[in-house]
Amino acid sequence: MGFDTSHHPVDLKTVARVTDYIAGKGSIDDLVKDAVRVAKIRFRANEWGLGVMNLKKAPSTFDTSLQVWGRPFFIAATGAEAIGEMIDRYLAAKTTAQADKIAKENLALLDKTLPKHVKPKKEGSLPNDANLAKGTREIIDLLRAAHTAAKTKGGTVKLPDGDESNASELLAREVPLRVLEFCAATRPGWMDRGYVWPTQLFYKAKVKPGKLFVPPRALLGKLGDEKRKWFLESTITENYMVGGFVSAKDVPALCKLLVTNRAKLEAAWGKPPDEEMKASVQKLIEAAEDAKLRKMAFVEATEVYSGFSGVMN
């Protein structure tokens, strides 16, 4: 069984908005609108990274593991602050033309001549705004309906395929992952592959993280006060789930642990570590450092993105 893993800085204010909505309070219309805008910026930025891959000879500074199948958008900057600044600029972009400008600056960081030679590589197309919005909010609206139905003993809710599901069981299973997916639509995380997620990496490297990682109960917001058998684990155990969560106050300790034990983590799956493994640890460090800079929490997950399916960050 393979995993498409990812690492996420988490804004708990957005989590609260989404979980309150599931509970029947407030609106997420503005968040959905923003997610649609960000989806178009992400899609355009990634076309530039794919465009570099399309060159007959890409510069030696180009690393697909980091700059295409790793960092959010298309970013060639180095260092936590510079990467964070690029993320902020992409997140603030209103048009694809603005995304193009940022992407070209990143091309120049790889090689000053690249902006003259690289063209965005078209792979598929995005749905229109209405369908993007529908796809972003559909599962959250379903969970809101399930929350209402769960108030009735034995209540069920109709799934998109027409089947009926026990509303309470659906909530317990799906809320953590679907809330994270929604948050990632407005603030994308880092994507990785296969056997690389922090809790597993620490275990394989025989590095003890202490009590840094806990089950992701924070992703439930106030829904966590409800007596329900929530699907909460402190590590990834299967596909389509959220794993270990690190609170904002503990993220600096996580960053220190990652940097201090970098060599052990890189060699967790054998010595000498290959370049892809080194890139995986780099991505993990970058995601944690970004969470630290923003004073956000951090969480690991799987199947938020899928390189194989073309679902990029």
Protein backbone atom coordinates (compact mmCIF):
# COMPACT_ATOMS: atom_id res chain seq x y z
CA MET A 1 0.00 0.00 0.00
CA GLY A 2 1.51 3.31 -1.07
CA PHE A 3 0.99 6.73 0.44
CA ASP A 4 1.09 10.19 -1.09
CA THR A 5 2.21 12.01 2.02
CA SER A 6 2.19 15.71 2.79
CA HIS A 7 3.29 18.12 5.50
CA HIS A 8 1.11 21.09 6.48
CA PRO A 9 1.37 24.30 8.45
CA VAL A 10 -2.14 24.61 9.92
CA ASP A 11 -4.04 27.83 10.62
CA LEU A 12 -6.40 26.93 13.47
CA LYS A 13 -8.47 30.05 12.84
CA THR A 14 -9.44 28.59 9.46
CA VAL A 15 -10.05 25.23 11.12
CA ALA A 16 -12.46 26.92 13.54
CA ARG A 17 -14.34 28.58 10.69
CA VAL A 18 -14.78 25.28 8.85
CA THR A 19 -15.71 23.16 11.86
CA ASP A 20 -18.18 25.77 13.08
CA TYR A 21 -19.77 25.66 9.63
CA ILE A 22 -20.04 21.87 9.81
CA ALA A 23 -21.79 22.35 13.15
CA GLY A 24 -24.34 24.59 11.43
CA LYS A 25 -22.88 27.99 12.29
CA GLY A 26 -21.75 30.77 10.00
CA SER A 27 -20.68 30.71 6.36
CA ILE A 28 -17.58 29.64 4.42
CA ASP A 29 -18.51 31.45 1.19
CA ASP A 30 -15.56 33.83 1.44
CA LEU A 31 -13.15 30.96 2.12
CA VAL A 32 -14.47 29.02 -0.87
CA LYS A 33 -14.06 32.08 -3.09
CA ASP A 34 -10.47 32.44 -1.92
CA ALA A 35 -9.80 28.73 -2.50
CA VAL A 36 -10.99 29.09 -6.10
CA ARG A 37 -8.58 32.00 -6.65
CA VAL A 38 -5.69 30.09 -5.06
CA ALA A 39 -6.48 26.98 -7.13
CA LYS A 40 -5.97 28.99 -10.31
CA ILE A 41 -2.72 30.48 -9.00
CA ARG A 42 -1.46 27.03 -7.96
CA PHE A 43 -2.33 25.53 -11.32
CA ARG A 44 -0.58 28.28 -13.25
CA ALA A 45 2.51 28.26 -11.04
CA ASN A 46 2.87 24.50 -11.41
CA GLU A 47 2.72 24.82 -15.20
CA TRP A 48 5.98 26.77 -14.99
CA GLY A 49 7.68 24.04 -12.96
CA LEU A 50 6.49 21.45 -15.46
CA GLY A 51 7.81 23.74 -18.18
CA VAL A 52 11.33 23.49 -16.76
CA MET A 53 10.98 19.70 -16.75
CA ASN A 54 10.13 19.96 -20.44
CA LEU A 55 13.54 21.44 -21.30
CA LYS A 56 16.02 19.20 -23.09
CA LYS A 57 18.54 20.11 -20.42
CA ALA A 58 17.36 21.62 -17.15
CA PRO A 59 19.88 23.54 -15.01
CA SER A 60 21.70 21.61 -12.29
CA THR A 61 20.00 23.85 -9.71
CA PHE A 62 16.60 22.42 -10.68
CA ASP A 63 15.33 19.64 -8.39
CA THR A 64 11.95 18.21 -9.33
CA SER A 65 11.55 16.65 -5.87
CA LEU A 66 11.68 20.11 -4.30
CA GLN A 67 10.42 22.51 -6.95
CA VAL A 68 7.73 20.47 -8.72
CA TRP A 69 6.67 17.59 -6.46
CA GLY A 70 7.51 19.27 -3.17
CA ARG A 71 7.08 22.91 -2.23
CA PRO A 72 3.76 24.62 -2.79
CA PHE A 73 3.38 26.53 -6.08
CA PHE A 74 6.69 26.77 -7.99
CA ILE A 75 9.46 28.06 -5.74
CA ALA A 76 13.21 28.06 -6.33
CA ALA A 77 14.14 30.31 -3.41
CA THR A 78 16.14 28.87 -0.51
CA GLY A 79 15.87 29.49 3.21
CA ALA A 80 12.73 29.56 5.33
CA GLU A 81 12.15 33.31 5.12
CA ALA A 82 12.67 33.54 1.36
CA ILE A 83 10.41 30.52 0.73
CA GLY A 84 7.80 31.98 3.08
CA GLU A 85 7.91 35.30 1.22
CA MET A 86 7.33 33.53 -2.11
CA ILE A 87 4.39 31.62 -0.65
CA ASP A 88 2.89 34.88 0.62
CA ARG A 89 3.28 36.51 -2.78
CA TYR A 90 1.60 33.64 -4.59
CA LEU A 91 -1.19 33.58 -1.99
CA ALA A 92 -1.73 37.31 -2.52
CA ALA A 93 -1.79 37.05 -6.33
CA LYS A 94 -5.16 37.96 -7.85
CA THR A 95 -4.51 36.93 -11.45
CA THR A 96 -2.55 34.32 -13.37
CA ALA A 97 -0.53 37.16 -14.89
CA GLN A 98 0.69 38.02 -11.40
CA ALA A 99 1.51 34.32 -10.85
CA ASP A 100 3.51 34.38 -14.10
CA LYS A 101 5.60 37.30 -12.82
CA ILE A 102 6.42 35.49 -9.58
CA ALA A 103 7.18 32.24 -11.40
CA LYS A 104 9.59 33.99 -13.78
CA GLU A 105 11.45 35.45 -10.82
CA ASN A 106 11.87 31.91 -9.52
CA LEU A 107 13.07 30.75 -12.93
CA ALA A 108 15.76 33.43 -12.77
CA LEU A 109 16.86 32.12 -9.38
CA LEU A 110 17.61 28.80 -11.06
CA ASP A 111 19.29 30.37 -14.09
CA LYS A 112 19.10 33.98 -15.27
CA THR A 113 18.48 32.83 -18.84
CA LEU A 114 15.50 30.58 -18.07
CA PRO A 115 12.72 33.20 -18.27
CA LYS A 116 13.57 33.59 -21.97
CA HIS A 117 13.44 29.86 -22.72
CA VAL A 118 10.82 28.25 -20.47
CA LYS A 119 7.16 28.13 -21.42
CA PRO A 120 4.40 26.90 -19.12
CA LYS A 121 3.57 23.28 -19.88
CA LYS A 122 -0.14 22.75 -20.38
CA GLU A 123 -1.39 19.53 -18.81
CA GLY A 124 -5.15 19.37 -18.64
CA SER A 125 -7.31 22.28 -17.58
CA LEU A 126 -9.07 23.54 -14.49
CA PRO A 127 -12.86 23.42 -14.14
CA ASN A 128 -14.67 26.77 -14.32
CA ASP A 129 -15.06 28.82 -11.15
CA ALA A 130 -18.48 27.40 -10.31
CA ASN A 131 -17.25 23.81 -10.53
CA LEU A 132 -14.07 24.64 -8.63
CA ALA A 133 -16.20 26.11 -5.85
CA LYS A 134 -18.48 23.08 -5.88
CA GLY A 135 -15.53 20.69 -5.67
CA THR A 136 -13.99 22.67 -2.82
CA ARG A 137 -17.04 22.79 -0.60
CA GLU A 138 -19.02 19.69 -1.58
CA ILE A 139 -17.63 17.38 1.11
CA ILE A 140 -17.84 20.12 3.77
CA ASP A 141 -21.51 20.72 2.89
CA LEU A 142 -22.06 16.96 3.10
CA LEU A 143 -20.51 16.89 6.57
CA ARG A 144 -22.72 19.80 7.62
CA ALA A 145 -25.76 17.81 6.46
CA ALA A 146 -24.40 14.76 8.30
CA HIS A 147 -24.05 16.78 11.50
CA THR A 148 -27.70 17.72 11.31
CA ALA A 149 -28.75 14.15 10.51
CA ALA A 150 -26.62 12.72 13.33
CA LYS A 151 -28.79 14.47 15.88
CA THR A 152 -31.42 11.84 15.12
CA LYS A 153 -30.72 8.30 16.31
CA GLY A 154 -29.76 6.19 13.32
CA GLY A 155 -29.70 9.25 11.08
CA THR A 156 -28.28 8.82 7.60
CA VAL A 157 -27.06 11.13 4.87
CA LYS A 158 -26.98 10.61 1.10
CA LEU A 159 -23.50 10.41 -0.46
CA PRO A 160 -22.64 11.89 -3.89
CA ASP A 161 -22.90 8.39 -5.46
CA GLY A 162 -26.45 8.02 -4.15
CA ASP A 163 -25.68 5.57 -1.35
CA GLU A 164 -26.77 6.24 2.22
CA SER A 165 -24.22 6.48 5.06
CA ASN A 166 -24.61 6.53 8.81
CA ALA A 167 -24.23 10.24 9.55
CA SER A 168 -22.41 9.91 12.87
CA GLU A 169 -19.92 7.37 11.50
CA LEU A 170 -19.26 9.55 8.45
CA LEU A 171 -18.49 12.54 10.66
CA ALA A 172 -16.20 10.55 12.94
CA ARG A 173 -14.20 9.19 10.03
CA GLU A 174 -14.05 12.12 7.63
CA VAL A 175 -13.89 15.40 9.56
CA PRO A 176 -10.12 15.53 10.32
CA LEU A 177 -8.99 14.85 6.74
CA ARG A 178 -11.67 16.89 5.00
CA VAL A 179 -11.12 19.92 7.22
CA LEU A 180 -7.39 19.73 6.50
CA GLU A 181 -8.06 19.39 2.75
CA PHE A 182 -10.21 22.50 2.84
CA CYS A 183 -7.57 24.45 4.76
CA ALA A 184 -4.92 23.28 2.29
CA ALA A 185 -7.02 24.66 -0.57
CA THR A 186 -6.31 28.17 0.73
CA ARG A 187 -2.83 27.44 2.15
CA PRO A 188 -1.14 24.50 0.39
CA GLY A 189 1.41 22.32 2.14
CA TRP A 190 4.44 20.34 0.98
CA MET A 191 3.92 17.06 -0.90
CA ASP A 192 6.07 13.93 -0.72
CA ARG A 193 5.83 10.27 -1.57
CA GLY A 194 5.61 6.74 -0.29
CA TYR A 195 7.28 6.00 3.00
CA VAL A 196 8.21 9.52 4.10
CA TRP A 197 6.16 11.03 6.88
CA PRO A 198 7.67 12.49 10.03
CA THR A 199 6.42 10.06 12.68
CA GLN A 200 7.50 7.06 10.59
CA LEU A 201 10.81 8.71 9.75
CA PHE A 202 11.61 9.32 13.41
CA TYR A 203 10.72 5.72 14.19
CA LYS A 204 12.93 4.28 11.42
CA ALA A 205 15.82 6.58 12.35
CA LYS A 206 15.47 5.67 16.05
CA VAL A 207 14.99 9.31 16.97
CA LYS A 208 12.57 9.84 19.82
CA PRO A 209 10.27 12.86 19.37
CA GLY A 210 8.91 12.59 22.90
CA LYS A 211 5.38 13.96 23.16
CA LEU A 212 5.62 16.36 20.22
CA PHE A 213 3.18 14.40 18.05
CA VAL A 214 -0.37 13.89 19.23
CA PRO A 215 -3.62 12.81 17.53
CA PRO A 216 -5.02 15.70 15.42
CA ARG A 217 -7.94 16.52 17.74
CA ALA A 218 -7.32 20.23 17.11
CA LEU A 219 -8.67 19.73 13.57
CA LEU A 220 -12.10 19.02 15.07
CA GLY A 221 -12.46 22.52 16.52
CA LYS A 222 -15.45 22.64 18.87
CA LEU A 223 -16.79 19.48 17.26
CA GLY A 224 -14.27 17.71 19.46
CA ASP A 225 -16.50 18.44 22.45
CA GLU A 226 -19.10 16.07 21.01
CA LYS A 227 -19.07 12.48 22.22
CA ARG A 228 -18.19 10.58 19.10
CA LYS A 229 -15.62 7.94 18.28
CA TRP A 230 -13.46 10.23 16.16
CA PHE A 231 -10.82 8.75 13.83
CA LEU A 232 -7.74 10.20 15.48
CA GLU A 233 -4.28 8.63 15.38
CA SER A 234 -0.86 9.98 16.34
CA THR A 235 0.73 8.58 13.18
CA ILE A 236 -0.30 7.57 9.67
CA THR A 237 -1.63 4.01 9.58
CA GLU A 238 -3.58 3.91 6.29
CA ASN A 239 -4.46 5.88 3.18
CA TYR A 240 -6.65 8.98 3.29
CA MET A 241 -6.02 10.16 6.81
CA VAL A 242 -4.38 12.77 9.01
CA GLY A 243 -1.61 11.58 11.29
CA GLY A 244 0.55 13.21 13.95
CA PHE A 245 -0.18 16.79 14.95
CA VAL A 246 2.26 19.25 16.57
CA SER A 247 0.88 22.29 18.37
CA ALA A 248 2.17 25.74 17.44
CA LYS A 249 4.00 26.06 20.76
CA ASP A 250 5.85 22.78 20.09
CA VAL A 251 6.77 23.45 16.45
CA PRO A 252 10.08 25.19 17.35
CA ALA A 253 11.10 22.03 19.23
CA LEU A 254 10.15 19.95 16.18
CA CYS A 255 12.32 22.17 13.96
CA LYS A 256 15.27 21.76 16.29
CA LEU A 257 14.81 17.98 16.41
CA LEU A 258 14.68 17.77 12.62
CA VAL A 259 17.82 19.85 12.07
CA THR A 260 19.79 18.18 14.85
CA ASN A 261 19.00 14.68 13.57
CA ARG A 262 19.04 15.44 9.85
CA ALA A 263 21.77 12.94 8.99
CA LYS A 264 20.00 10.14 10.86
CA LEU A 265 16.69 10.94 9.17
CA GLU A 266 18.27 10.98 5.72
CA ALA A 267 19.81 7.56 6.38
CA ALA A 268 16.67 6.05 7.94
CA TRP A 269 16.08 3.83 4.90
CA GLY A 270 19.72 2.94 4.26
CA LYS A 271 23.20 4.38 3.87
CA PRO A 272 24.32 6.29 1.99
CA PRO A 273 21.06 8.21 1.56
CA ASP A 274 20.04 8.91 -2.03
CA GLU A 275 19.33 12.40 -3.30
CA GLU A 276 15.57 11.89 -3.24
CA MET A 277 15.69 10.94 0.43
CA LYS A 278 17.73 14.05 1.19
CA ALA A 279 15.13 16.12 -0.66
CA SER A 280 12.34 14.50 1.36
CA VAL A 281 13.97 15.50 4.63
CA GLN A 282 14.57 18.98 3.22
CA LYS A 283 10.87 19.33 2.41
CA LEU A 284 9.89 18.20 5.88
CA ILE A 285 12.25 20.74 7.46
CA GLU A 286 10.94 23.51 5.19
CA ALA A 287 7.31 22.79 6.08
CA ALA A 288 8.07 22.78 9.80
CA GLU A 289 10.11 25.98 9.52
CA ASP A 290 7.25 27.65 7.64
CA ALA A 291 4.85 26.68 10.43
CA LYS A 292 7.33 28.09 12.94
CA LEU A 293 7.65 31.41 11.10
CA ARG A 294 3.86 31.77 10.99
CA LYS A 295 3.36 30.50 14.55
CA MET A 296 1.07 27.82 13.21
CA ALA A 297 0.58 24.17 14.09
CA PHE A 298 1.96 21.34 11.92
CA VAL A 299 0.42 18.06 10.79
CA GLU A 300 1.23 15.09 8.56
CA ALA A 301 -1.32 13.57 6.19
CA THR A 302 -1.75 11.28 3.24
CA GLU A 303 -3.72 11.57 -0.03
CA VAL A 304 -4.27 15.31 0.22
CA TYR A 305 -2.16 15.41 -2.96
CA SER A 306 -1.25 12.78 -5.52
CA GLY A 307 1.60 13.13 -7.98
CA PHE A 308 0.36 10.07 -9.88
CA SER A 309 -3.10 11.58 -10.29
CA GLY A 310 -1.78 15.05 -11.02
CA VAL A 311 -3.23 16.59 -7.85
CA MET A 312 -0.51 19.10 -7.04
CA ASN A 313 0.03 21.73 -4.41
